[in-house]
Amino acid sequence: MTRSSLHLLKGVGYSISTVSAMLLAIVSWEGASKSPLLIACLLGGAATSIIGMLCRWLSYEVEKRQEERQAQEKPGLGSPPGSVNPASAVGTPRPAS
């Protein structure tokens, strides 16, 4: 998978988890509505779950942008050590064998 498709997959996964938290809260509302404490726990639990998923997704966004910025600053970073760019090797004397 490409980096962008993995990123999209993470976003879709977090969106699905958010919808899941809301659906579970809706289903639980009837039982929780009988007590103010249960209502607070239900709403607090759903909200913290959604906020946590948002924070994780945002951390992936920040990491992705940092990696893209580093890749732009150092374009040869992905080359293995000791590799030579063929264009820079033109005219370079070769050792005698």
PDB file of N, CA and C in Angstrom:
ATOM      1  N   MET A   1       0.844  -1.186   0.000  1.00  0.00           N
ATOM      2  CA  MET A   1       0.000   0.000   0.000  1.00  0.00           C
ATOM      3  C   MET A   1       0.887   1.247   0.000  1.00  0.00           C
ATOM      4  N   THR A   2       0.409   2.251  -0.666  1.00  0.00           N
ATOM      5  CA  THR A   2       1.157   3.505  -0.678  1.00  0.00           C
ATOM      6  C   THR A   2       0.928   4.245   0.634  1.00  0.00           C
ATOM      7  N   ARG A   3       1.798   5.207   0.885  1.00  0.00           N
ATOM      8  CA  ARG A   3       1.700   5.984   2.129  1.00  0.00           C
ATOM      9  C   ARG A   3       0.370   6.716   2.209  1.00  0.00           C
ATOM     10  N   SER A   4      -0.096   7.287   1.089  1.00  0.00           N
ATOM     11  CA  SER A   4      -1.356   8.041   1.120  1.00  0.00           C
ATOM     12  C   SER A   4      -2.551   7.120   1.329  1.00  0.00           C
ATOM     13  N   SER A   5      -2.511   5.898   0.777  1.00  0.00           N
ATOM     14  CA  SER A   5      -3.632   4.988   0.996  1.00  0.00           C
ATOM     15  C   SER A   5      -3.652   4.488   2.437  1.00  0.00           C
ATOM     16  N   LEU A   6      -2.479   4.308   3.050  1.00  0.00           N
ATOM     17  CA  LEU A   6      -2.444   3.941   4.466  1.00  0.00           C
ATOM     18  C   LEU A   6      -3.009   5.069   5.321  1.00  0.00           C
ATOM     19  N   HIS A   7      -2.668   6.292   4.967  1.00  0.00           N
ATOM     20  CA  HIS A   7      -3.167   7.451   5.698  1.00  0.00           C
ATOM     21  C   HIS A   7      -4.690   7.541   5.581  1.00  0.00           C
ATOM     22  N   LEU A   8      -5.197   7.309   4.381  1.00  0.00           N
ATOM     23  CA  LEU A   8      -6.640   7.329   4.162  1.00  0.00           C
ATOM     24  C   LEU A   8      -7.310   6.218   4.965  1.00  0.00           C
ATOM     25  N   LEU A   9      -6.704   5.057   4.995  1.00  0.00           N
ATOM     26  CA  LEU A   9      -7.254   3.929   5.745  1.00  0.00           C
ATOM     27  C   LEU A   9      -7.342   4.254   7.234  1.00  0.00           C
ATOM     28  N   LYS A  10      -6.327   4.911   7.777  1.00  0.00           N
ATOM     29  CA  LYS A  10      -6.367   5.316   9.185  1.00  0.00           C
ATOM     30  C   LYS A  10      -7.517   6.284   9.422  1.00  0.00           C
ATOM     31  N   GLY A  11      -7.687   7.244   8.532  1.00  0.00           N
ATOM     32  CA  GLY A  11      -8.779   8.209   8.670  1.00  0.00           C
ATOM     33  C   GLY A  11     -10.140   7.541   8.627  1.00  0.00           C
ATOM     34  N   VAL A  12     -10.312   6.609   7.705  1.00  0.00           N
ATOM     35  CA  VAL A  12     -11.580   5.883   7.602  1.00  0.00           C
ATOM     36  C   VAL A  12     -11.811   5.058   8.864  1.00  0.00           C
ATOM     37  N   GLY A  13     -10.763   4.416   9.367  1.00  0.00           N
ATOM     38  CA  GLY A  13     -10.885   3.612  10.586  1.00  0.00           C
ATOM     39  C   GLY A  13     -11.318   4.445  11.778  1.00  0.00           C
ATOM     40  N   TYR A  14     -10.723   5.626  11.928  1.00  0.00           N
ATOM     41  CA  TYR A  14     -11.108   6.504  13.038  1.00  0.00           C
ATOM     42  C   TYR A  14     -12.522   7.031  12.856  1.00  0.00           C
ATOM     43  N   SER A  15     -12.939   7.291  11.633  1.00  0.00           N
ATOM     44  CA  SER A  15     -14.312   7.735  11.375  1.00  0.00           C
ATOM     45  C   SER A  15     -15.310   6.650  11.750  1.00  0.00           C
ATOM     46  N   ILE A  16     -14.997   5.414  11.384  1.00  0.00           N
ATOM     47  CA  ILE A  16     -15.874   4.285  11.720  1.00  0.00           C
ATOM     48  C   ILE A  16     -15.959   4.123  13.236  1.00  0.00           C
ATOM     49  N   SER A  17     -14.832   4.252  13.923  1.00  0.00           N
ATOM     50  CA  SER A  17     -14.830   4.136  15.382  1.00  0.00           C
ATOM     51  C   SER A  17     -15.651   5.248  16.029  1.00  0.00           C
ATOM     52  N   THR A  18     -15.608   6.436  15.462  1.00  0.00           N
ATOM     53  CA  THR A  18     -16.396   7.549  15.990  1.00  0.00           C
ATOM     54  C   THR A  18     -17.883   7.276  15.839  1.00  0.00           C
ATOM     55  N   VAL A  19     -18.287   6.798  14.670  1.00  0.00           N
ATOM     56  CA  VAL A  19     -19.696   6.454  14.445  1.00  0.00           C
ATOM     57  C   VAL A  19     -20.110   5.336  15.402  1.00  0.00           C
ATOM     58  N   SER A  20     -19.237   4.373  15.610  1.00  0.00           N
ATOM     59  CA  SER A  20     -19.528   3.278  16.526  1.00  0.00           C
ATOM     60  C   SER A  20     -19.768   3.786  17.943  1.00  0.00           C
ATOM     61  N   ALA A  21     -18.923   4.707  18.415  1.00  0.00           N
ATOM     62  CA  ALA A  21     -19.099   5.267  19.760  1.00  0.00           C
ATOM     63  C   ALA A  21     -20.444   5.989  19.869  1.00  0.00           C
ATOM     64  N   MET A  22     -20.827   6.732  18.836  1.00  0.00           N
ATOM     65  CA  MET A  22     -22.109   7.440  18.871  1.00  0.00           C
ATOM     66  C   MET A  22     -23.284   6.461  18.862  1.00  0.00           C
ATOM     67  N   LEU A  23     -23.195   5.404  18.042  1.00  0.00           N
ATOM     68  CA  LEU A  23     -24.289   4.425  17.995  1.00  0.00           C
ATOM     69  C   LEU A  23     -24.440   3.699  19.330  1.00  0.00           C
ATOM     70  N   LEU A  24     -23.332   3.341  19.947  1.00  0.00           N
ATOM     71  CA  LEU A  24     -23.401   2.686  21.257  1.00  0.00           C
ATOM     72  C   LEU A  24     -24.009   3.618  22.305  1.00  0.00           C
ATOM     73  N   ALA A  25     -23.694   4.907  22.218  1.00  0.00           N
ATOM     74  CA  ALA A  25     -24.271   5.872  23.150  1.00  0.00           C
ATOM     75  C   ALA A  25     -25.779   5.992  22.935  1.00  0.00           C
ATOM     76  N   ILE A  26     -26.207   5.987  21.681  1.00  0.00           N
ATOM     77  CA  ILE A  26     -27.642   6.082  21.383  1.00  0.00           C
ATOM     78  C   ILE A  26     -28.384   4.874  21.935  1.00  0.00           C
ATOM     79  N   VAL A  27     -27.817   3.694  21.730  1.00  0.00           N
ATOM     80  CA  VAL A  27     -28.457   2.462  22.205  1.00  0.00           C
ATOM     81  C   VAL A  27     -28.539   2.446  23.731  1.00  0.00           C
ATOM     82  N   SER A  28     -27.520   2.996  24.381  1.00  0.00           N
ATOM     83  CA  SER A  28     -27.458   2.970  25.845  1.00  0.00           C
ATOM     84  C   SER A  28     -28.271   4.085  26.499  1.00  0.00           C
ATOM     85  N   TRP A  29     -28.758   5.027  25.712  1.00  0.00           N
ATOM     86  CA  TRP A  29     -29.414   6.198  26.269  1.00  0.00           C
ATOM     87  C   TRP A  29     -30.631   5.848  27.134  1.00  0.00           C
ATOM     88  N   GLU A  30     -31.437   4.895  26.713  1.00  0.00           N
ATOM     89  CA  GLU A  30     -32.668   4.573  27.451  1.00  0.00           C
ATOM     90  C   GLU A  30     -32.353   4.165  28.891  1.00  0.00           C
ATOM     91  N   GLY A  31     -31.380   3.298  29.067  1.00  0.00           N
ATOM     92  CA  GLY A  31     -31.025   2.867  30.426  1.00  0.00           C
ATOM     93  C   GLY A  31     -30.346   3.973  31.218  1.00  0.00           C
ATOM     94  N   ALA A  32     -29.508   4.766  30.562  1.00  0.00           N
ATOM     95  CA  ALA A  32     -28.764   5.813  31.257  1.00  0.00           C
ATOM     96  C   ALA A  32     -29.633   7.017  31.596  1.00  0.00           C
ATOM     97  N   SER A  33     -30.700   7.233  30.871  1.00  0.00           N
ATOM     98  CA  SER A  33     -31.521   8.430  31.067  1.00  0.00           C
ATOM     99  C   SER A  33     -32.252   8.440  32.403  1.00  0.00           C
ATOM    100  N   LYS A  34     -32.227   7.339  33.117  1.00  0.00           N
ATOM    101  CA  LYS A  34     -32.917   7.252  34.399  1.00  0.00           C
ATOM    102  C   LYS A  34     -32.104   7.851  35.545  1.00  0.00           C
ATOM    103  N   SER A  35     -30.825   8.132  35.305  1.00  0.00           N
ATOM    104  CA  SER A  35     -29.968   8.650  36.368  1.00  0.00           C
ATOM    105  C   SER A  35     -29.034   9.722  35.799  1.00  0.00           C
ATOM    106  N   PRO A  36     -28.969  10.887  36.443  1.00  0.00           N
ATOM    107  CA  PRO A  36     -28.062  11.932  35.971  1.00  0.00           C
ATOM    108  C   PRO A  36     -26.593  11.479  35.953  1.00  0.00           C
ATOM    109  N   LEU A  37     -26.205  10.661  36.895  1.00  0.00           N
ATOM    110  CA  LEU A  37     -24.837  10.159  36.935  1.00  0.00           C
ATOM    111  C   LEU A  37     -24.555   9.264  35.724  1.00  0.00           C
ATOM    112  N   LEU A  38     -25.504   8.407  35.392  1.00  0.00           N
ATOM    113  CA  LEU A  38     -25.319   7.536  34.222  1.00  0.00           C
ATOM    114  C   LEU A  38     -25.290   8.347  32.928  1.00  0.00           C
ATOM    115  N   ILE A  39     -26.097   9.385  32.867  1.00  0.00           N
ATOM    116  CA  ILE A  39     -26.087  10.255  31.675  1.00  0.00           C
ATOM    117  C   ILE A  39     -24.711  10.901  31.535  1.00  0.00           C
ATOM    118  N   ALA A  40     -24.194  11.426  32.652  1.00  0.00           N
ATOM    119  CA  ALA A  40     -22.875  12.066  32.618  1.00  0.00           C
ATOM    120  C   ALA A  40     -21.796  11.061  32.205  1.00  0.00           C
ATOM    121  N   CYS A  41     -21.860   9.853  32.729  1.00  0.00           N
ATOM    122  CA  CYS A  41     -20.876   8.829  32.371  1.00  0.00           C
ATOM    123  C   CYS A  41     -20.985   8.433  30.902  1.00  0.00           C
ATOM    124  N   LEU A  42     -22.196   8.282  30.426  1.00  0.00           N
ATOM    125  CA  LEU A  42     -22.402   7.906  29.023  1.00  0.00           C
ATOM    126  C   LEU A  42     -21.891   8.986  28.078  1.00  0.00           C
ATOM    127  N   LEU A  43     -22.283  10.224  28.325  1.00  0.00           N
ATOM    128  CA  LEU A  43     -21.837  11.319  27.463  1.00  0.00           C
ATOM    129  C   LEU A  43     -20.335  11.545  27.588  1.00  0.00           C
ATOM    130  N   GLY A  44     -19.825  11.468  28.803  1.00  0.00           N
ATOM    131  CA  GLY A  44     -18.386  11.633  29.018  1.00  0.00           C
ATOM    132  C   GLY A  44     -17.582  10.532  28.353  1.00  0.00           C
ATOM    133  N   GLY A  45     -18.062   9.308  28.458  1.00  0.00           N
ATOM    134  CA  GLY A  45     -17.361   8.182  27.824  1.00  0.00           C
ATOM    135  C   GLY A  45     -17.354   8.285  26.311  1.00  0.00           C
ATOM    136  N   ALA A  46     -18.495   8.627  25.733  1.00  0.00           N
ATOM    137  CA  ALA A  46     -18.567   8.768  24.275  1.00  0.00           C
ATOM    138  C   ALA A  46     -17.690   9.926  23.813  1.00  0.00           C
ATOM    139  N   ALA A  47     -17.747  11.035  24.531  1.00  0.00           N
ATOM    140  CA  ALA A  47     -16.960  12.214  24.138  1.00  0.00           C
ATOM    141  C   ALA A  47     -15.460  11.940  24.248  1.00  0.00           C
ATOM    142  N   THR A  48     -15.021  11.329  25.337  1.00  0.00           N
ATOM    143  CA  THR A  48     -13.581  11.065  25.488  1.00  0.00           C
ATOM    144  C   THR A  48     -13.094  10.049  24.467  1.00  0.00           C
ATOM    145  N   SER A  49     -13.931   9.098  24.112  1.00  0.00           N
ATOM    146  CA  SER A  49     -13.558   8.133  23.085  1.00  0.00           C
ATOM    147  C   SER A  49     -13.350   8.836  21.743  1.00  0.00           C
ATOM    148  N   ILE A  50     -14.264   9.699  21.392  1.00  0.00           N
ATOM    149  CA  ILE A  50     -14.172  10.420  20.120  1.00  0.00           C
ATOM    150  C   ILE A  50     -12.992  11.393  20.135  1.00  0.00           C
ATOM    151  N   ILE A  51     -12.789  12.099  21.239  1.00  0.00           N
ATOM    152  CA  ILE A  51     -11.661  13.034  21.340  1.00  0.00           C
ATOM    153  C   ILE A  51     -10.333  12.269  21.261  1.00  0.00           C
ATOM    154  N   GLY A  52     -10.264  11.103  21.903  1.00  0.00           N
ATOM    155  CA  GLY A  52      -9.047  10.286  21.827  1.00  0.00           C
ATOM    156  C   GLY A  52      -8.732   9.856  20.412  1.00  0.00           C
ATOM    157  N   MET A  53      -9.754   9.448  19.658  1.00  0.00           N
ATOM    158  CA  MET A  53      -9.532   9.058  18.262  1.00  0.00           C
ATOM    159  C   MET A  53      -9.092  10.256  17.425  1.00  0.00           C
ATOM    160  N   LEU A  54      -9.656  11.428  17.706  1.00  0.00           N
ATOM    161  CA  LEU A  54      -9.259  12.638  16.998  1.00  0.00           C
ATOM    162  C   LEU A  54      -7.793  12.968  17.281  1.00  0.00           C
ATOM    163  N   CYS A  55      -7.391  12.845  18.545  1.00  0.00           N
ATOM    164  CA  CYS A  55      -5.991  13.125  18.902  1.00  0.00           C
ATOM    165  C   CYS A  55      -5.036  12.162  18.200  1.00  0.00           C
ATOM    166  N   ARG A  56      -5.368  10.888  18.150  1.00  0.00           N
ATOM    167  CA  ARG A  56      -4.500   9.920  17.457  1.00  0.00           C
ATOM    168  C   ARG A  56      -4.426  10.225  15.971  1.00  0.00           C
ATOM    169  N   TRP A  57      -5.547  10.569  15.363  1.00  0.00           N
ATOM    170  CA  TRP A  57      -5.544  10.896  13.941  1.00  0.00           C
ATOM    171  C   TRP A  57      -4.705  12.147  13.686  1.00  0.00           C
ATOM    172  N   LEU A  58      -4.854  13.155  14.562  1.00  0.00           N
ATOM    173  CA  LEU A  58      -4.062  14.372  14.408  1.00  0.00           C
ATOM    174  C   LEU A  58      -2.573  14.090  14.560  1.00  0.00           C
ATOM    175  N   SER A  59      -2.213  13.170  15.452  1.00  0.00           N
ATOM    176  CA  SER A  59      -0.792  12.833  15.606  1.00  0.00           C
ATOM    177  C   SER A  59      -0.251  12.201  14.329  1.00  0.00           C
ATOM    178  N   TYR A  60      -1.044  11.377  13.659  1.00  0.00           N
ATOM    179  CA  TYR A  60      -0.620  10.816  12.374  1.00  0.00           C
ATOM    180  C   TYR A  60      -0.464  11.911  11.324  1.00  0.00           C
ATOM    181  N   GLU A  61      -1.372  12.897  11.351  1.00  0.00           N
ATOM    182  CA  GLU A  61      -1.279  14.017  10.416  1.00  0.00           C
ATOM    183  C   GLU A  61       0.022  14.789  10.630  1.00  0.00           C
ATOM    184  N   VAL A  62       0.342  15.066  11.887  1.00  0.00           N
ATOM    185  CA  VAL A  62       1.557  15.818  12.202  1.00  0.00           C
ATOM    186  C   VAL A  62       2.792  15.028  11.765  1.00  0.00           C
ATOM    187  N   GLU A  63       2.822  13.721  12.080  1.00  0.00           N
ATOM    188  CA  GLU A  63       3.956  12.883  11.672  1.00  0.00           C
ATOM    189  C   GLU A  63       4.110  12.865  10.156  1.00  0.00           C
ATOM    190  N   LYS A  64       2.996  12.739   9.449  1.00  0.00           N
ATOM    191  CA  LYS A  64       3.039  12.701   7.986  1.00  0.00           C
ATOM    192  C   LYS A  64       3.623  13.990   7.428  1.00  0.00           C
ATOM    193  N   ARG A  65       3.179  15.126   7.959  1.00  0.00           N
ATOM    194  CA  ARG A  65       3.679  16.412   7.468  1.00  0.00           C
ATOM    195  C   ARG A  65       5.145  16.608   7.813  1.00  0.00           C
ATOM    196  N   GLN A  66       5.572  16.146   8.992  1.00  0.00           N
ATOM    197  CA  GLN A  66       6.985  16.247   9.358  1.00  0.00           C
ATOM    198  C   GLN A  66       7.846  15.400   8.425  1.00  0.00           C
ATOM    199  N   GLU A  67       7.383  14.190   8.118  1.00  0.00           N
ATOM    200  CA  GLU A  67       8.132  13.324   7.201  1.00  0.00           C
ATOM    201  C   GLU A  67       8.204  13.932   5.813  1.00  0.00           C
ATOM    202  N   GLU A  68       7.103  14.519   5.343  1.00  0.00           N
ATOM    203  CA  GLU A  68       7.110  15.152   4.027  1.00  0.00           C
ATOM    204  C   GLU A  68       8.075  16.333   4.010  1.00  0.00           C
ATOM    205  N   ARG A  69       8.099  17.121   5.087  1.00  0.00           N
ATOM    206  CA  ARG A  69       8.992  18.265   5.167  1.00  0.00           C
ATOM    207  C   ARG A  69      10.443  17.806   5.179  1.00  0.00           C
ATOM    208  N   GLN A  70      10.748  16.737   5.931  1.00  0.00           N
ATOM    209  CA  GLN A  70      12.112  16.215   5.984  1.00  0.00           C
ATOM    210  C   GLN A  70      12.532  15.662   4.627  1.00  0.00           C
ATOM    211  N   ALA A  71      11.608  15.013   3.931  1.00  0.00           N
ATOM    212  CA  ALA A  71      11.922  14.454   2.618  1.00  0.00           C
ATOM    213  C   ALA A  71      12.222  15.566   1.615  1.00  0.00           C
ATOM    214  N   GLN A  72      11.551  16.698   1.734  1.00  0.00           N
ATOM    215  CA  GLN A  72      11.812  17.826   0.837  1.00  0.00           C
ATOM    216  C   GLN A  72      13.146  18.488   1.155  1.00  0.00           C
ATOM    217  N   GLU A  73      13.516  18.521   2.442  1.00  0.00           N
ATOM    218  CA  GLU A  73      14.776  19.139   2.836  1.00  0.00           C
ATOM    219  C   GLU A  73      15.977  18.279   2.480  1.00  0.00           C
ATOM    220  N   LYS A  74      15.819  16.959   2.542  1.00  0.00           N
ATOM    221  CA  LYS A  74      16.909  16.030   2.275  1.00  0.00           C
ATOM    222  C   LYS A  74      16.449  15.002   1.241  1.00  0.00           C
ATOM    223  N   PRO A  75      16.475  15.338  -0.043  1.00  0.00           N
ATOM    224  CA  PRO A  75      15.943  14.433  -1.062  1.00  0.00           C
ATOM    225  C   PRO A  75      16.715  13.121  -1.183  1.00  0.00           C
ATOM    226  N   GLY A  76      17.999  13.058  -0.839  1.00  0.00           N
ATOM    227  CA  GLY A  76      18.772  11.830  -0.976  1.00  0.00           C
ATOM    228  C   GLY A  76      18.731  10.960   0.258  1.00  0.00           C
ATOM    229  N   LEU A  77      17.866  11.279   1.207  1.00  0.00           N
ATOM    230  CA  LEU A  77      17.817  10.552   2.469  1.00  0.00           C
ATOM    231  C   LEU A  77      17.449   9.088   2.289  1.00  0.00           C
ATOM    232  N   GLY A  78      16.673   8.760   1.273  1.00  0.00           N
ATOM    233  CA  GLY A  78      16.229   7.392   1.075  1.00  0.00           C
ATOM    234  C   GLY A  78      17.259   6.498   0.425  1.00  0.00           C
ATOM    235  N   SER A  79      18.386   7.032   0.003  1.00  0.00           N
ATOM    236  CA  SER A  79      19.403   6.220  -0.660  1.00  0.00           C
ATOM    237  C   SER A  79      20.162   5.391   0.356  1.00  0.00           C
ATOM    238  N   PRO A  80      20.487   4.146   0.019  1.00  0.00           N
ATOM    239  CA  PRO A  80      21.268   3.339   0.953  1.00  0.00           C
ATOM    240  C   PRO A  80      22.678   3.893   1.081  1.00  0.00           C
ATOM    241  N   PRO A  81      23.333   3.689   2.233  1.00  0.00           N
ATOM    242  CA  PRO A  81      24.683   4.204   2.414  1.00  0.00           C
ATOM    243  C   PRO A  81      25.631   3.616   1.375  1.00  0.00           C
ATOM    244  N   GLY A  82      26.513   4.434   0.875  1.00  0.00           N
ATOM    245  CA  GLY A  82      27.494   3.956  -0.095  1.00  0.00           C
ATOM    246  C   GLY A  82      26.995   3.944  -1.519  1.00  0.00           C
ATOM    247  N   SER A  83      25.716   4.249  -1.746  1.00  0.00           N
ATOM    248  CA  SER A  83      25.221   4.251  -3.118  1.00  0.00           C
ATOM    249  C   SER A  83      25.676   5.528  -3.803  1.00  0.00           C
ATOM    250  N   VAL A  84      25.841   5.461  -5.095  1.00  0.00           N
ATOM    251  CA  VAL A  84      26.337   6.601  -5.857  1.00  0.00           C
ATOM    252  C   VAL A  84      25.302   6.961  -6.896  1.00  0.00           C
ATOM    253  N   ASN A  85      25.061   8.237  -7.009  1.00  0.00           N
ATOM    254  CA  ASN A  85      24.176   8.724  -8.040  1.00  0.00           C
ATOM    255  C   ASN A  85      24.924   8.597  -9.367  1.00  0.00           C
ATOM    256  N   PRO A  86      24.384   7.844 -10.339  1.00  0.00           N
ATOM    257  CA  PRO A  86      25.105   7.629 -11.597  1.00  0.00           C
ATOM    258  C   PRO A  86      25.490   8.938 -12.285  1.00  0.00           C
ATOM    259  N   ALA A  87      24.667   9.972 -12.171  1.00  0.00           N
ATOM    260  CA  ALA A  87      24.989  11.242 -12.823  1.00  0.00           C
ATOM    261  C   ALA A  87      26.230  11.872 -12.201  1.00  0.00           C
ATOM    262  N   SER A  88      26.433  11.689 -10.893  1.00  0.00           N
ATOM    263  CA  SER A  88      27.592  12.289 -10.238  1.00  0.00           C
ATOM    264  C   SER A  88      28.834  11.435 -10.452  1.00  0.00           C
ATOM    265  N   ALA A  89      28.664  10.202 -10.900  1.00  0.00           N
ATOM    266  CA  ALA A  89      29.810   9.302 -11.086  1.00  0.00           C
ATOM    267  C   ALA A  89      30.450   9.452 -12.469  1.00  0.00           C
ATOM    268  N   VAL A  90      29.817  10.240 -13.357  1.00  0.00           N
ATOM    269  CA  VAL A  90      30.358  10.415 -14.699  1.00  0.00           C
ATOM    270  C   VAL A  90      31.696  11.135 -14.591  1.00  0.00           C
ATOM    271  N   GLY A  91      32.701  10.590 -15.252  1.00  0.00           N
ATOM    272  CA  GLY A  91      34.021  11.208 -15.256  1.00  0.00           C
ATOM    273  C   GLY A  91      34.855  10.880 -14.021  1.00  0.00           C
ATOM    274  N   THR A  92      34.293  10.078 -13.109  1.00  0.00           N
ATOM    275  CA  THR A  92      35.045   9.701 -11.910  1.00  0.00           C
ATOM    276  C   THR A  92      35.994   8.575 -12.258  1.00  0.00           C
ATOM    277  N   PRO A  93      37.287   8.717 -11.945  1.00  0.00           N
ATOM    278  CA  PRO A  93      38.230   7.632 -12.270  1.00  0.00           C
ATOM    279  C   PRO A  93      37.903   6.373 -11.478  1.00  0.00           C
ATOM    280  N   ARG A  94      38.048   5.245 -12.123  1.00  0.00           N
ATOM    281  CA  ARG A  94      37.801   3.970 -11.470  1.00  0.00           C
ATOM    282  C   ARG A  94      39.128   3.372 -11.020  1.00  0.00           C
ATOM    283  N   PRO A  95      39.102   2.674  -9.869  1.00  0.00           N
ATOM    284  CA  PRO A  95      40.353   2.058  -9.408  1.00  0.00           C
ATOM    285  C   PRO A  95      40.812   0.964 -10.373  1.00  0.00           C
ATOM    286  N   ALA A  96      42.123   0.820 -10.473  1.00  0.00           N
ATOM    287  CA  ALA A  96      42.695  -0.223 -11.356  1.00  0.00           C
ATOM    288  C   ALA A  96      42.431  -1.588 -10.729  1.00  0.00           C
ATOM    289  N   SER A  97      42.106  -2.561 -11.585  1.00  0.00           N
ATOM    290  CA  SER A  97      41.847  -3.887 -11.049  1.00  0.00           C
ATOM    291  C   SER A  97      42.984  -4.828 -11.277  1.00  0.00           C
TER     292      SER A  97
END
